[in-house]
Amino acid sequence: NHGEPLCNRRLPDMVRYIKSKGITSRISIHTNASLLGEDYVCDLADSGIDKVVVSLQGMTSEKYRQVCGASMDMNRLYDMLRLFSQKKKNTMLHVKVADVALEPGEEELFYEKFLPIADRVFVEKIVPIWKGTEFSERQAKTMVQNK
């Protein structure tokens, strides 16, 4: 339920098993997709998984470093998602990013880049969830950068 599902290299086998036994009608995962390699992409695409939701932390490797403190080769990530899109059968591929993880002008770039390879792309609007909380765009960007 929590954590990065792609850490389990047997995930495609688990999906096949669950599908073969009819345990549930739908299998979906949420991932940052950082662990996708060519073989893993092909195996996951062939597994019969119903939906893969990819959460991006920005549009550049530098933004990933700022937000997550982790190295991410964005060109490689994009190539793996494009390959998954080509190999998948009935799997829905959704790609999302939080508005506060985008620099000015990057929202258009996000849609241009991911609309051709994903079934659905969207920018999540970050809003406060506690009544009486003020949340400006500047505060949100500060929170992301200090994370």
Protein backbone atom coordinates (compact mmCIF):
# COMPACT_ATOMS: atom_id res chain seq x y z
CA ASN A 1 0.00 0.00 0.00
CA HIS A 2 2.85 2.42 0.76
CA GLY A 3 6.30 2.84 -0.67
CA GLU A 4 7.76 2.40 -4.13
CA PRO A 5 6.21 -0.67 -5.82
CA LEU A 6 8.99 -0.99 -8.38
CA CYS A 7 11.43 -1.90 -5.58
CA ASN A 8 9.91 -5.36 -5.77
CA ARG A 9 11.42 -6.83 -8.95
CA ARG A 10 8.80 -9.60 -8.86
CA LEU A 11 5.96 -7.09 -9.26
CA PRO A 12 5.14 -8.22 -12.82
CA ASP A 13 4.94 -11.85 -11.62
CA MET A 14 2.71 -10.79 -8.74
CA VAL A 15 0.40 -8.96 -11.17
CA ARG A 16 0.20 -12.04 -13.41
CA TYR A 17 -0.58 -14.26 -10.41
CA ILE A 18 -3.31 -11.96 -9.08
CA LYS A 19 -4.84 -11.69 -12.55
CA SER A 20 -4.76 -15.46 -13.09
CA LYS A 21 -6.52 -16.12 -9.77
CA GLY A 22 -9.15 -13.39 -10.25
CA ILE A 23 -8.32 -11.95 -6.83
CA THR A 24 -9.27 -8.41 -7.84
CA SER A 25 -10.80 -6.77 -10.88
CA ARG A 26 -8.17 -4.04 -11.19
CA ILE A 27 -4.49 -3.63 -10.34
CA SER A 28 -2.85 -0.24 -10.28
CA ILE A 29 0.33 1.24 -8.89
CA HIS A 30 1.63 4.71 -8.13
CA THR A 31 5.34 5.12 -8.78
CA ASN A 32 8.06 7.67 -9.36
CA ALA A 33 9.28 5.32 -12.14
CA SER A 34 12.92 5.88 -11.23
CA LEU A 35 13.65 2.14 -11.09
CA LEU A 36 12.41 1.36 -14.59
CA GLY A 37 14.95 -0.20 -16.89
CA GLU A 38 14.32 -1.64 -20.33
CA ASP A 39 13.79 -5.25 -19.17
CA TYR A 40 11.57 -4.17 -16.27
CA VAL A 41 9.50 -1.97 -18.61
CA CYS A 42 8.90 -4.86 -20.99
CA ASP A 43 8.02 -7.29 -18.20
CA LEU A 44 5.65 -4.83 -16.50
CA ALA A 45 4.00 -3.92 -19.80
CA ASP A 46 3.42 -7.62 -20.47
CA SER A 47 2.09 -8.35 -16.96
CA GLY A 48 -1.49 -7.19 -17.54
CA ILE A 49 -1.38 -4.40 -14.96
CA ASP A 50 -4.39 -2.12 -15.41
CA LYS A 51 -3.02 1.28 -14.49
CA VAL A 52 0.35 2.86 -13.78
CA VAL A 53 0.36 6.35 -12.30
CA VAL A 54 3.71 8.13 -12.47
CA SER A 55 4.28 11.07 -10.13
CA LEU A 56 6.98 13.44 -11.29
CA GLN A 57 8.81 15.80 -8.95
CA GLY A 58 9.68 18.29 -11.66
CA MET A 59 10.74 18.48 -15.29
CA THR A 60 14.51 18.49 -14.84
CA SER A 61 17.15 16.48 -13.04
CA GLU A 62 18.04 19.59 -11.05
CA LYS A 63 14.46 20.01 -9.83
CA TYR A 64 14.44 16.38 -8.67
CA ARG A 65 17.61 17.07 -6.70
CA GLN A 66 15.95 20.13 -5.13
CA VAL A 67 12.67 18.42 -4.27
CA CYS A 68 13.80 14.90 -3.38
CA GLY A 69 17.51 15.15 -2.77
CA ALA A 70 17.88 12.34 -5.29
CA SER A 71 19.57 12.04 -8.66
CA MET A 72 17.23 11.41 -11.57
CA ASP A 73 18.16 11.26 -15.23
CA MET A 74 15.04 12.84 -16.72
CA ASN A 75 15.96 11.87 -20.28
CA ARG A 76 16.28 8.22 -19.26
CA LEU A 77 13.03 8.38 -17.28
CA TYR A 78 11.23 9.81 -20.30
CA ASP A 79 12.72 7.13 -22.58
CA MET A 80 11.55 4.37 -20.22
CA LEU A 81 8.02 5.83 -20.05
CA ARG A 82 7.92 6.15 -23.84
CA LEU A 83 9.03 2.51 -24.17
CA PHE A 84 6.38 1.44 -21.66
CA SER A 85 3.78 3.34 -23.67
CA GLN A 86 4.83 1.49 -26.82
CA LYS A 87 4.89 -1.95 -25.19
CA LYS A 88 1.77 -1.80 -23.02
CA LYS A 89 -1.45 -3.41 -24.17
CA ASN A 90 -4.51 -2.37 -22.16
CA THR A 91 -2.66 -0.61 -19.36
CA MET A 92 -3.58 3.00 -18.69
CA LEU A 93 -0.53 5.20 -18.19
CA HIS A 94 -1.12 8.39 -16.21
CA VAL A 95 1.62 10.96 -15.63
CA LYS A 96 1.21 13.75 -13.09
CA VAL A 97 3.21 16.53 -11.52
CA ALA A 98 2.43 18.98 -8.71
CA ASP A 99 2.09 22.59 -9.80
CA VAL A 100 4.60 23.69 -7.16
CA ALA A 101 7.26 21.42 -8.71
CA LEU A 102 7.09 23.29 -12.01
CA GLU A 103 8.99 26.41 -12.94
CA PRO A 104 7.18 29.19 -14.85
CA GLY A 105 6.42 28.01 -18.38
CA GLU A 106 7.03 24.33 -17.64
CA GLU A 107 3.35 23.38 -17.48
CA GLU A 108 3.11 23.71 -21.27
CA LEU A 109 6.33 21.73 -21.69
CA PHE A 110 4.94 19.01 -19.40
CA TYR A 111 1.83 18.60 -21.56
CA GLU A 112 3.79 18.75 -24.83
CA LYS A 113 6.20 16.10 -23.66
CA PHE A 114 3.89 13.62 -21.96
CA LEU A 115 0.57 13.88 -23.84
CA PRO A 116 1.95 11.89 -26.80
CA ILE A 117 3.02 8.94 -24.62
CA ALA A 118 0.47 8.82 -21.78
CA ASP A 119 -3.24 8.12 -21.69
CA ARG A 120 -3.76 10.91 -19.19
CA VAL A 121 -1.55 13.73 -17.96
CA PHE A 122 -2.37 16.29 -15.35
CA VAL A 123 -0.92 18.96 -13.14
CA GLU A 124 -2.07 18.59 -9.55
CA LYS A 125 -3.01 21.86 -7.91
CA ILE A 126 -1.71 21.91 -4.35
CA VAL A 127 -4.23 23.37 -1.92
CA PRO A 128 -4.36 23.56 1.87
CA ILE A 129 -6.48 20.88 3.52
CA TRP A 130 -6.90 22.48 6.94
CA LYS A 131 -9.55 25.12 7.41
CA GLY A 132 -8.12 28.57 8.07
CA THR A 133 -4.72 27.76 6.58
CA GLU A 134 -3.28 30.29 4.17
CA PHE A 135 -1.21 28.84 1.37
CA SER A 136 0.36 31.11 -1.20
CA GLU A 137 2.17 29.90 -4.30
CA ARG A 138 5.40 31.31 -2.88
CA GLN A 139 4.95 29.33 0.35
CA ALA A 140 4.30 26.17 -1.61
CA LYS A 141 7.48 26.59 -3.66
CA THR A 142 9.43 27.28 -0.49
CA MET A 143 8.07 24.11 1.09
CA VAL A 144 9.06 22.05 -1.97
CA GLN A 145 12.56 23.53 -2.07
CA ASN A 146 13.13 22.95 1.65
CA LYS A 147 11.90 19.38 1.61
